[in-house]
Amino acid sequence: MANNNEKMSREEAGRKGGETTAKNHDKEFYQEIGQKGGEATSENHDKEFYQEIGQKGGEATSDSHGKEFYQEIGEKGGEARGNQRDDSDDGKMSREEAGRKGGEKSRR
């Protein structure tokens, strides 16, 4: 929407520019610029930066999802974990071993 001076707002100009860019580029273009951005970010930030944004993301997810969401992803994780192999005789890690390893990792 144009303002009184017949000029586009920054928001409108940005939206139109984004739409034009999307029409002219494919998925690989966005993957490439995303990778470059990620590499530049990792060169400019330390471990604490990533811990902080991870914590903020976790809190935001917690605020926007209910108990059912966590039950579902926990079930999926449990199924995936059950399908993984380790060095035990039958090729599967026991629930006891998985719990012990998880507890040790959490303790650290």
N, C-alpha and C. Protein backbone atom coordinates (compact mmCIF):
# COMPACT_ATOMS: atom_id res chain seq x y z
N MET A 1 0.84 -1.17 0.00
CA MET A 1 0.00 0.00 0.00
C MET A 1 0.89 1.24 0.00
N ALA A 2 0.64 2.18 -0.88
CA ALA A 2 1.44 3.40 -0.99
C ALA A 2 0.98 4.41 0.06
N ASN A 3 1.94 5.23 0.54
CA ASN A 3 1.56 6.26 1.49
C ASN A 3 1.11 7.51 0.74
N ASN A 4 0.90 8.61 1.43
CA ASN A 4 0.37 9.83 0.81
C ASN A 4 1.26 10.43 -0.26
N ASN A 5 2.55 10.17 -0.23
CA ASN A 5 3.48 10.72 -1.22
C ASN A 5 3.63 9.84 -2.45
N GLU A 6 2.74 8.87 -2.61
CA GLU A 6 2.79 7.94 -3.74
C GLU A 6 4.04 7.07 -3.73
N LYS A 7 4.69 6.93 -2.59
CA LYS A 7 5.86 6.08 -2.46
C LYS A 7 5.47 4.80 -1.75
N MET A 8 6.20 3.75 -2.06
CA MET A 8 5.98 2.46 -1.40
C MET A 8 6.57 2.49 0.00
N SER A 9 5.92 1.80 0.92
CA SER A 9 6.50 1.65 2.25
C SER A 9 7.66 0.65 2.15
N ARG A 10 8.52 0.66 3.14
CA ARG A 10 9.63 -0.31 3.14
C ARG A 10 9.09 -1.73 3.16
N GLU A 11 8.04 -1.93 3.93
CA GLU A 11 7.44 -3.25 4.01
C GLU A 11 6.95 -3.73 2.64
N GLU A 12 6.24 -2.86 1.94
CA GLU A 12 5.73 -3.23 0.62
C GLU A 12 6.86 -3.45 -0.38
N ALA A 13 7.86 -2.59 -0.35
CA ALA A 13 9.00 -2.75 -1.26
C ALA A 13 9.74 -4.06 -0.98
N GLY A 14 9.90 -4.39 0.28
CA GLY A 14 10.56 -5.64 0.64
C GLY A 14 9.76 -6.85 0.20
N ARG A 15 8.44 -6.79 0.38
CA ARG A 15 7.58 -7.89 -0.05
C ARG A 15 7.65 -8.08 -1.55
N LYS A 16 7.55 -6.99 -2.30
CA LYS A 16 7.61 -7.08 -3.77
C LYS A 16 8.98 -7.59 -4.23
N GLY A 17 10.04 -7.11 -3.60
CA GLY A 17 11.38 -7.57 -3.95
C GLY A 17 11.54 -9.06 -3.67
N GLY A 18 11.00 -9.50 -2.56
CA GLY A 18 11.07 -10.93 -2.21
C GLY A 18 10.29 -11.79 -3.19
N GLU A 19 9.13 -11.30 -3.60
CA GLU A 19 8.33 -12.04 -4.58
C GLU A 19 9.07 -12.15 -5.92
N THR A 20 9.69 -11.04 -6.36
CA THR A 20 10.44 -11.05 -7.62
C THR A 20 11.62 -12.01 -7.54
N THR A 21 12.34 -11.97 -6.42
CA THR A 21 13.48 -12.87 -6.24
C THR A 21 13.03 -14.32 -6.28
N ALA A 22 11.92 -14.62 -5.61
CA ALA A 22 11.41 -15.99 -5.57
C ALA A 22 11.04 -16.49 -6.97
N LYS A 23 10.54 -15.60 -7.80
CA LYS A 23 10.18 -16.00 -9.17
C LYS A 23 11.42 -16.29 -10.02
N ASN A 24 12.54 -15.66 -9.70
CA ASN A 24 13.74 -15.76 -10.53
C ASN A 24 14.76 -16.80 -10.06
N HIS A 25 14.55 -17.39 -8.88
CA HIS A 25 15.54 -18.32 -8.33
C HIS A 25 14.88 -19.59 -7.85
N ASP A 26 15.66 -20.67 -7.84
CA ASP A 26 15.15 -21.97 -7.43
C ASP A 26 15.63 -22.34 -6.02
N LYS A 27 15.26 -23.54 -5.59
CA LYS A 27 15.59 -24.03 -4.26
C LYS A 27 17.10 -24.02 -4.01
N GLU A 28 17.88 -24.42 -5.01
CA GLU A 28 19.33 -24.49 -4.84
C GLU A 28 19.93 -23.12 -4.54
N PHE A 29 19.38 -22.08 -5.14
CA PHE A 29 19.86 -20.71 -4.88
C PHE A 29 19.71 -20.39 -3.39
N TYR A 30 18.54 -20.69 -2.85
CA TYR A 30 18.29 -20.38 -1.45
C TYR A 30 19.13 -21.27 -0.52
N GLN A 31 19.36 -22.52 -0.92
CA GLN A 31 20.22 -23.38 -0.11
C GLN A 31 21.64 -22.85 -0.08
N GLU A 32 22.11 -22.38 -1.22
CA GLU A 32 23.48 -21.86 -1.30
C GLU A 32 23.65 -20.60 -0.46
N ILE A 33 22.72 -19.66 -0.57
CA ILE A 33 22.88 -18.44 0.22
C ILE A 33 22.67 -18.72 1.71
N GLY A 34 21.83 -19.70 2.02
CA GLY A 34 21.65 -20.09 3.42
C GLY A 34 22.91 -20.70 4.00
N GLN A 35 23.56 -21.54 3.20
CA GLN A 35 24.81 -22.15 3.66
C GLN A 35 25.88 -21.09 3.86
N LYS A 36 25.99 -20.15 2.92
CA LYS A 36 26.98 -19.08 3.07
C LYS A 36 26.70 -18.25 4.32
N GLY A 37 25.44 -17.95 4.55
CA GLY A 37 25.07 -17.20 5.75
C GLY A 37 25.40 -17.94 7.02
N GLY A 38 25.13 -19.24 7.03
CA GLY A 38 25.46 -20.06 8.19
C GLY A 38 26.94 -20.11 8.46
N GLU A 39 27.73 -20.23 7.40
CA GLU A 39 29.19 -20.25 7.57
C GLU A 39 29.70 -18.91 8.10
N ALA A 40 29.17 -17.82 7.57
CA ALA A 40 29.59 -16.50 8.04
C ALA A 40 29.21 -16.30 9.51
N THR A 41 28.02 -16.76 9.87
CA THR A 41 27.57 -16.64 11.26
C THR A 41 28.47 -17.44 12.18
N SER A 42 28.83 -18.66 11.76
CA SER A 42 29.67 -19.50 12.63
C SER A 42 31.06 -18.92 12.81
N GLU A 43 31.52 -18.16 11.85
CA GLU A 43 32.84 -17.52 11.98
C GLU A 43 32.79 -16.33 12.95
N ASN A 44 31.61 -15.75 13.11
CA ASN A 44 31.48 -14.54 13.93
C ASN A 44 30.91 -14.78 15.32
N HIS A 45 30.49 -16.00 15.62
CA HIS A 45 29.87 -16.27 16.92
C HIS A 45 30.48 -17.51 17.56
N ASP A 46 30.39 -17.56 18.89
CA ASP A 46 30.96 -18.67 19.63
C ASP A 46 29.87 -19.62 20.13
N LYS A 47 30.30 -20.62 20.89
CA LYS A 47 29.42 -21.66 21.40
C LYS A 47 28.27 -21.07 22.23
N GLU A 48 28.56 -20.06 23.03
CA GLU A 48 27.54 -19.46 23.89
C GLU A 48 26.42 -18.83 23.07
N PHE A 49 26.76 -18.25 21.92
CA PHE A 49 25.74 -17.67 21.04
C PHE A 49 24.74 -18.74 20.62
N TYR A 50 25.24 -19.88 20.20
CA TYR A 50 24.37 -20.96 19.75
C TYR A 50 23.58 -21.57 20.90
N GLN A 51 24.19 -21.63 22.08
CA GLN A 51 23.46 -22.13 23.25
C GLN A 51 22.30 -21.20 23.59
N GLU A 52 22.55 -19.90 23.51
CA GLU A 52 21.51 -18.92 23.84
C GLU A 52 20.36 -18.98 22.85
N ILE A 53 20.67 -19.02 21.54
CA ILE A 53 19.56 -19.05 20.57
C ILE A 53 18.84 -20.40 20.62
N GLY A 54 19.57 -21.46 20.96
CA GLY A 54 18.92 -22.76 21.12
C GLY A 54 17.96 -22.76 22.30
N GLN A 55 18.38 -22.14 23.39
CA GLN A 55 17.52 -22.05 24.57
C GLN A 55 16.29 -21.21 24.26
N LYS A 56 16.48 -20.08 23.58
CA LYS A 56 15.34 -19.24 23.22
C LYS A 56 14.37 -19.99 22.31
N GLY A 57 14.92 -20.74 21.37
CA GLY A 57 14.06 -21.53 20.48
C GLY A 57 13.30 -22.60 21.23
N GLY A 58 13.97 -23.24 22.17
CA GLY A 58 13.30 -24.26 22.98
C GLY A 58 12.19 -23.67 23.82
N GLU A 59 12.43 -22.50 24.39
CA GLU A 59 11.40 -21.83 25.19
C GLU A 59 10.22 -21.42 24.32
N ALA A 60 10.50 -20.91 23.13
CA ALA A 60 9.42 -20.51 22.22
C ALA A 60 8.59 -21.73 21.81
N THR A 61 9.27 -22.84 21.54
CA THR A 61 8.56 -24.07 21.17
C THR A 61 7.70 -24.54 22.34
N SER A 62 8.26 -24.50 23.53
CA SER A 62 7.53 -24.91 24.72
C SER A 62 6.28 -24.05 24.93
N ASP A 63 6.41 -22.75 24.68
CA ASP A 63 5.29 -21.84 24.86
C ASP A 63 4.18 -22.07 23.83
N SER A 64 4.55 -22.57 22.64
CA SER A 64 3.56 -22.68 21.57
C SER A 64 3.04 -24.10 21.33
N HIS A 65 3.55 -25.08 22.06
CA HIS A 65 3.11 -26.46 21.86
C HIS A 65 2.65 -27.06 23.17
N GLY A 66 1.67 -27.93 23.09
CA GLY A 66 1.13 -28.57 24.27
C GLY A 66 1.76 -29.93 24.55
N LYS A 67 1.22 -30.58 25.55
CA LYS A 67 1.70 -31.88 26.01
C LYS A 67 1.69 -32.91 24.88
N GLU A 68 0.68 -32.88 24.02
CA GLU A 68 0.55 -33.86 22.95
C GLU A 68 1.73 -33.78 21.98
N PHE A 69 2.21 -32.57 21.70
CA PHE A 69 3.36 -32.39 20.81
C PHE A 69 4.57 -33.13 21.35
N TYR A 70 4.84 -32.96 22.63
CA TYR A 70 6.01 -33.60 23.24
C TYR A 70 5.83 -35.11 23.34
N GLN A 71 4.61 -35.56 23.55
CA GLN A 71 4.35 -37.00 23.56
C GLN A 71 4.64 -37.59 22.19
N GLU A 72 4.20 -36.89 21.14
CA GLU A 72 4.39 -37.38 19.78
C GLU A 72 5.87 -37.43 19.41
N ILE A 73 6.61 -36.35 19.69
CA ILE A 73 8.03 -36.37 19.30
C ILE A 73 8.82 -37.33 20.18
N GLY A 74 8.40 -37.51 21.42
CA GLY A 74 9.05 -38.49 22.28
C GLY A 74 8.84 -39.90 21.77
N GLU A 75 7.63 -40.18 21.32
CA GLU A 75 7.33 -41.50 20.76
C GLU A 75 8.15 -41.75 19.50
N LYS A 76 8.22 -40.74 18.64
CA LYS A 76 9.02 -40.88 17.41
C LYS A 76 10.50 -41.10 17.75
N GLY A 77 11.00 -40.36 18.72
CA GLY A 77 12.39 -40.52 19.13
C GLY A 77 12.64 -41.90 19.72
N GLY A 78 11.70 -42.38 20.50
CA GLY A 78 11.83 -43.72 21.07
C GLY A 78 11.84 -44.79 20.00
N GLU A 79 10.98 -44.63 19.00
CA GLU A 79 10.96 -45.60 17.90
C GLU A 79 12.27 -45.55 17.12
N ALA A 80 12.78 -44.35 16.85
CA ALA A 80 14.04 -44.22 16.13
C ALA A 80 15.18 -44.81 16.95
N ARG A 81 15.15 -44.57 18.24
CA ARG A 81 16.19 -45.09 19.13
C ARG A 81 16.15 -46.62 19.14
N GLY A 82 14.95 -47.16 19.14
CA GLY A 82 14.79 -48.61 19.14
C GLY A 82 15.31 -49.25 17.87
N ASN A 83 15.34 -48.48 16.79
CA ASN A 83 15.83 -49.00 15.51
C ASN A 83 17.34 -48.86 15.35
N GLN A 84 18.00 -48.13 16.26
CA GLN A 84 19.45 -47.95 16.16
C GLN A 84 20.16 -49.17 16.73
N ARG A 85 21.37 -49.38 16.28
CA ARG A 85 22.16 -50.54 16.73
C ARG A 85 23.36 -50.07 17.54
N ASP A 86 23.83 -50.93 18.44
CA ASP A 86 25.09 -50.67 19.13
C ASP A 86 25.91 -51.95 19.17
N ASP A 87 26.85 -52.05 20.05
CA ASP A 87 27.75 -53.18 20.09
C ASP A 87 27.25 -54.35 20.92
N SER A 88 26.02 -54.32 21.42
CA SER A 88 25.53 -55.43 22.24
C SER A 88 25.29 -56.66 21.37
N ASP A 89 25.07 -57.78 22.04
CA ASP A 89 24.95 -59.07 21.33
C ASP A 89 23.84 -59.08 20.29
N ASP A 90 22.68 -58.55 20.63
CA ASP A 90 21.57 -58.60 19.68
C ASP A 90 21.52 -57.39 18.76
N GLY A 91 22.47 -56.49 18.89
CA GLY A 91 22.52 -55.33 18.01
C GLY A 91 21.66 -54.16 18.46
N LYS A 92 20.89 -54.33 19.54
CA LYS A 92 20.04 -53.24 20.02
C LYS A 92 20.47 -52.84 21.43
N MET A 93 20.39 -51.57 21.69
CA MET A 93 20.70 -51.07 23.03
C MET A 93 19.47 -51.29 23.90
N SER A 94 19.67 -51.76 25.10
CA SER A 94 18.55 -51.96 26.01
C SER A 94 18.03 -50.60 26.48
N ARG A 95 16.80 -50.61 26.93
CA ARG A 95 16.22 -49.38 27.48
C ARG A 95 17.02 -48.92 28.70
N GLU A 96 17.48 -49.90 29.48
CA GLU A 96 18.28 -49.58 30.66
C GLU A 96 19.56 -48.85 30.25
N GLU A 97 20.25 -49.37 29.24
CA GLU A 97 21.49 -48.76 28.76
C GLU A 97 21.22 -47.37 28.17
N ALA A 98 20.15 -47.24 27.40
CA ALA A 98 19.80 -45.95 26.82
C ALA A 98 19.49 -44.93 27.91
N GLY A 99 18.77 -45.36 28.94
CA GLY A 99 18.47 -44.47 30.06
C GLY A 99 19.71 -44.04 30.81
N ARG A 100 20.62 -44.99 31.03
CA ARG A 100 21.87 -44.68 31.73
C ARG A 100 22.68 -43.67 30.94
N LYS A 101 22.82 -43.93 29.63
CA LYS A 101 23.61 -43.01 28.79
C LYS A 101 22.96 -41.62 28.75
N GLY A 102 21.64 -41.58 28.64
CA GLY A 102 20.94 -40.29 28.64
C GLY A 102 21.12 -39.54 29.94
N GLY A 103 21.06 -40.28 31.04
CA GLY A 103 21.26 -39.65 32.35
C GLY A 103 22.66 -39.11 32.51
N GLU A 104 23.64 -39.87 32.03
CA GLU A 104 25.02 -39.39 32.11
C GLU A 104 25.21 -38.13 31.29
N LYS A 105 24.64 -38.10 30.11
CA LYS A 105 24.79 -36.93 29.24
C LYS A 105 24.11 -35.72 29.86
N SER A 106 22.92 -35.92 30.43
CA SER A 106 22.20 -34.82 31.08
C SER A 106 22.98 -34.28 32.27
N ARG A 107 23.63 -35.17 33.00
CA ARG A 107 24.38 -34.78 34.19
C ARG A 107 25.55 -33.89 33.82
N ARG A 108 26.16 -34.14 32.64
CA ARG A 108 27.30 -33.33 32.20
C ARG A 108 26.83 -31.97 31.86
